[in-house]
């Protein structure tokens, strides 16, 4: 997780210094990196926007998340995932 309240958190600050980056980071932002996605929230109380990598190098950008998101990604890439319909 990388975050900025009014200043970058320690991890982001250390990485920026190591890269020689000097800038004003956008306030009230948070980024979460995981093995299968990247998500961002920008602004106080803002909801997250999720980015899921696709096989062709593009990204699926959505506010959807959860254990079935793999089915959505499969569908976007032309697959035919099975959904439970009651």
C-alpha atoms as a PDB file:
ATOM      1  CA  UNK A   1       0.000   0.000   0.000  1.00  0.00           C
ATOM      2  CA  UNK A   2       1.176   3.480  -0.848  1.00  0.00           C
ATOM      3  CA  UNK A   3      -0.673   6.480   0.493  1.00  0.00           C
ATOM      4  CA  UNK A   4      -0.622  10.238   0.747  1.00  0.00           C
ATOM      5  CA  UNK A   5      -2.490  12.181   3.391  1.00  0.00           C
ATOM      6  CA  UNK A   6      -0.902  15.601   3.070  1.00  0.00           C
ATOM      7  CA  UNK A   7       2.528  14.026   2.592  1.00  0.00           C
ATOM      8  CA  UNK A   8       3.554  10.632   1.186  1.00  0.00           C
ATOM      9  CA  UNK A   9       3.829   7.716   3.615  1.00  0.00           C
ATOM     10  CA  UNK A  10       7.286   6.427   4.539  1.00  0.00           C
ATOM     11  CA  UNK A  11       7.391   3.745   1.816  1.00  0.00           C
ATOM     12  CA  UNK A  12       6.417   6.155  -0.974  1.00  0.00           C
ATOM     13  CA  UNK A  13       8.689   8.894   0.369  1.00  0.00           C
ATOM     14  CA  UNK A  14      11.675   6.531   0.533  1.00  0.00           C
ATOM     15  CA  UNK A  15      11.040   5.195  -2.994  1.00  0.00           C
ATOM     16  CA  UNK A  16      10.625   8.708  -4.402  1.00  0.00           C
ATOM     17  CA  UNK A  17      13.892   9.851  -2.819  1.00  0.00           C
ATOM     18  CA  UNK A  18      15.737   6.772  -4.131  1.00  0.00           C
ATOM     19  CA  UNK A  19      14.419   7.516  -7.642  1.00  0.00           C
ATOM     20  CA  UNK A  20      15.337  11.206  -7.393  1.00  0.00           C
ATOM     21  CA  UNK A  21      11.672  12.183  -7.709  1.00  0.00           C
ATOM     22  CA  UNK A  22      10.760  15.537  -6.206  1.00  0.00           C
ATOM     23  CA  UNK A  23       7.101  16.438  -6.546  1.00  0.00           C
ATOM     24  CA  UNK A  24       3.903  17.280  -4.698  1.00  0.00           C
ATOM     25  CA  UNK A  25       1.943  14.032  -4.460  1.00  0.00           C
ATOM     26  CA  UNK A  26      -1.862  14.244  -4.772  1.00  0.00           C
ATOM     27  CA  UNK A  27      -3.405  14.563  -1.302  1.00  0.00           C
ATOM     28  CA  UNK A  28      -5.751  11.957   0.164  1.00  0.00           C
ATOM     29  CA  UNK A  29      -4.811   9.206  -2.295  1.00  0.00           C
ATOM     30  CA  UNK A  30      -4.141   5.520  -1.670  1.00  0.00           C
ATOM     31  CA  UNK A  31      -2.910   2.757  -3.982  1.00  0.00           C
ATOM     32  CA  UNK A  32      -3.046  -0.941  -3.195  1.00  0.00           C
ATOM     33  CA  UNK A  33      -0.922  -3.370  -5.196  1.00  0.00           C
ATOM     34  CA  UNK A  34      -1.659  -7.080  -5.164  1.00  0.00           C
ATOM     35  CA  UNK A  35      -0.692 -10.070  -7.301  1.00  0.00           C
ATOM     36  CA  UNK A  36      -3.730  -9.720  -9.579  1.00  0.00           C
ATOM     37  CA  UNK A  37      -4.790  -6.081  -9.410  1.00  0.00           C
ATOM     38  CA  UNK A  38      -4.033  -2.485  -8.633  1.00  0.00           C
ATOM     39  CA  UNK A  39      -6.599  -0.245  -6.971  1.00  0.00           C
ATOM     40  CA  UNK A  40      -6.715   3.474  -6.314  1.00  0.00           C
ATOM     41  CA  UNK A  41      -8.784   5.881  -4.293  1.00  0.00           C
ATOM     42  CA  UNK A  42      -8.350   9.588  -4.889  1.00  0.00           C
ATOM     43  CA  UNK A  43      -9.864  12.025  -2.418  1.00  0.00           C
ATOM     44  CA  UNK A  44     -11.174  11.949   1.117  1.00  0.00           C
ATOM     45  CA  UNK A  45     -13.698   9.120   1.467  1.00  0.00           C
ATOM     46  CA  UNK A  46     -13.484   8.255  -2.244  1.00  0.00           C
ATOM     47  CA  UNK A  47     -14.323   4.767  -3.408  1.00  0.00           C
ATOM     48  CA  UNK A  48     -11.692   2.592  -5.017  1.00  0.00           C
ATOM     49  CA  UNK A  49     -11.224   2.028  -8.733  1.00  0.00           C
ATOM     50  CA  UNK A  50      -9.771  -1.397  -9.550  1.00  0.00           C
ATOM     51  CA  UNK A  51      -7.436  -2.204 -12.447  1.00  0.00           C
ATOM     52  CA  UNK A  52      -7.125  -5.841 -13.558  1.00  0.00           C
ATOM     53  CA  UNK A  53      -4.500  -6.824 -16.159  1.00  0.00           C
ATOM     54  CA  UNK A  54      -5.751  -8.455 -19.351  1.00  0.00           C
ATOM     55  CA  UNK A  55      -3.833 -10.937 -21.487  1.00  0.00           C
ATOM     56  CA  UNK A  56      -3.263  -8.432 -24.311  1.00  0.00           C
ATOM     57  CA  UNK A  57      -1.568  -5.812 -22.104  1.00  0.00           C
ATOM     58  CA  UNK A  58      -4.662  -3.688 -21.558  1.00  0.00           C
ATOM     59  CA  UNK A  59      -6.414  -3.180 -18.207  1.00  0.00           C
ATOM     60  CA  UNK A  60     -10.011  -3.730 -17.142  1.00  0.00           C
ATOM     61  CA  UNK A  61     -10.927  -0.641 -15.086  1.00  0.00           C
ATOM     62  CA  UNK A  62     -13.961  -1.025 -12.839  1.00  0.00           C
ATOM     63  CA  UNK A  63     -15.393  -0.489  -9.377  1.00  0.00           C
ATOM     64  CA  UNK A  64     -16.213  -4.227  -9.220  1.00  0.00           C
ATOM     65  CA  UNK A  65     -14.171  -6.484  -6.937  1.00  0.00           C
ATOM     66  CA  UNK A  66     -14.464  -9.717  -5.016  1.00  0.00           C
ATOM     67  CA  UNK A  67     -13.996 -13.423  -5.454  1.00  0.00           C
ATOM     68  CA  UNK A  68     -15.938 -13.587  -8.764  1.00  0.00           C
ATOM     69  CA  UNK A  69     -13.969 -10.820 -10.508  1.00  0.00           C
ATOM     70  CA  UNK A  70     -11.977 -13.541 -12.294  1.00  0.00           C
ATOM     71  CA  UNK A  71     -15.192 -14.524 -14.083  1.00  0.00           C
ATOM     72  CA  UNK A  72     -15.699 -10.929 -15.218  1.00  0.00           C
ATOM     73  CA  UNK A  73     -12.122 -10.729 -16.501  1.00  0.00           C
ATOM     74  CA  UNK A  74     -12.605 -14.068 -18.307  1.00  0.00           C
ATOM     75  CA  UNK A  75     -15.809 -12.757 -19.940  1.00  0.00           C
ATOM     76  CA  UNK A  76     -14.137  -9.480 -21.021  1.00  0.00           C
ATOM     77  CA  UNK A  77     -11.378 -11.512 -22.678  1.00  0.00           C
ATOM     78  CA  UNK A  78     -13.906 -13.534 -24.677  1.00  0.00           C
ATOM     79  CA  UNK A  79     -14.361 -16.482 -22.339  1.00  0.00           C
ATOM     80  CA  UNK A  80     -17.648 -18.040 -21.331  1.00  0.00           C
ATOM     81  CA  UNK A  81     -17.524 -18.285 -17.533  1.00  0.00           C
ATOM     82  CA  UNK A  82     -20.349 -19.970 -15.691  1.00  0.00           C
ATOM     83  CA  UNK A  83     -22.511 -17.906 -13.357  1.00  0.00           C
ATOM     84  CA  UNK A  84     -25.098 -19.177 -10.886  1.00  0.00           C
ATOM     85  CA  UNK A  85     -28.560 -17.852 -11.732  1.00  0.00           C
ATOM     86  CA  UNK A  86     -31.431 -18.533  -9.364  1.00  0.00           C
END
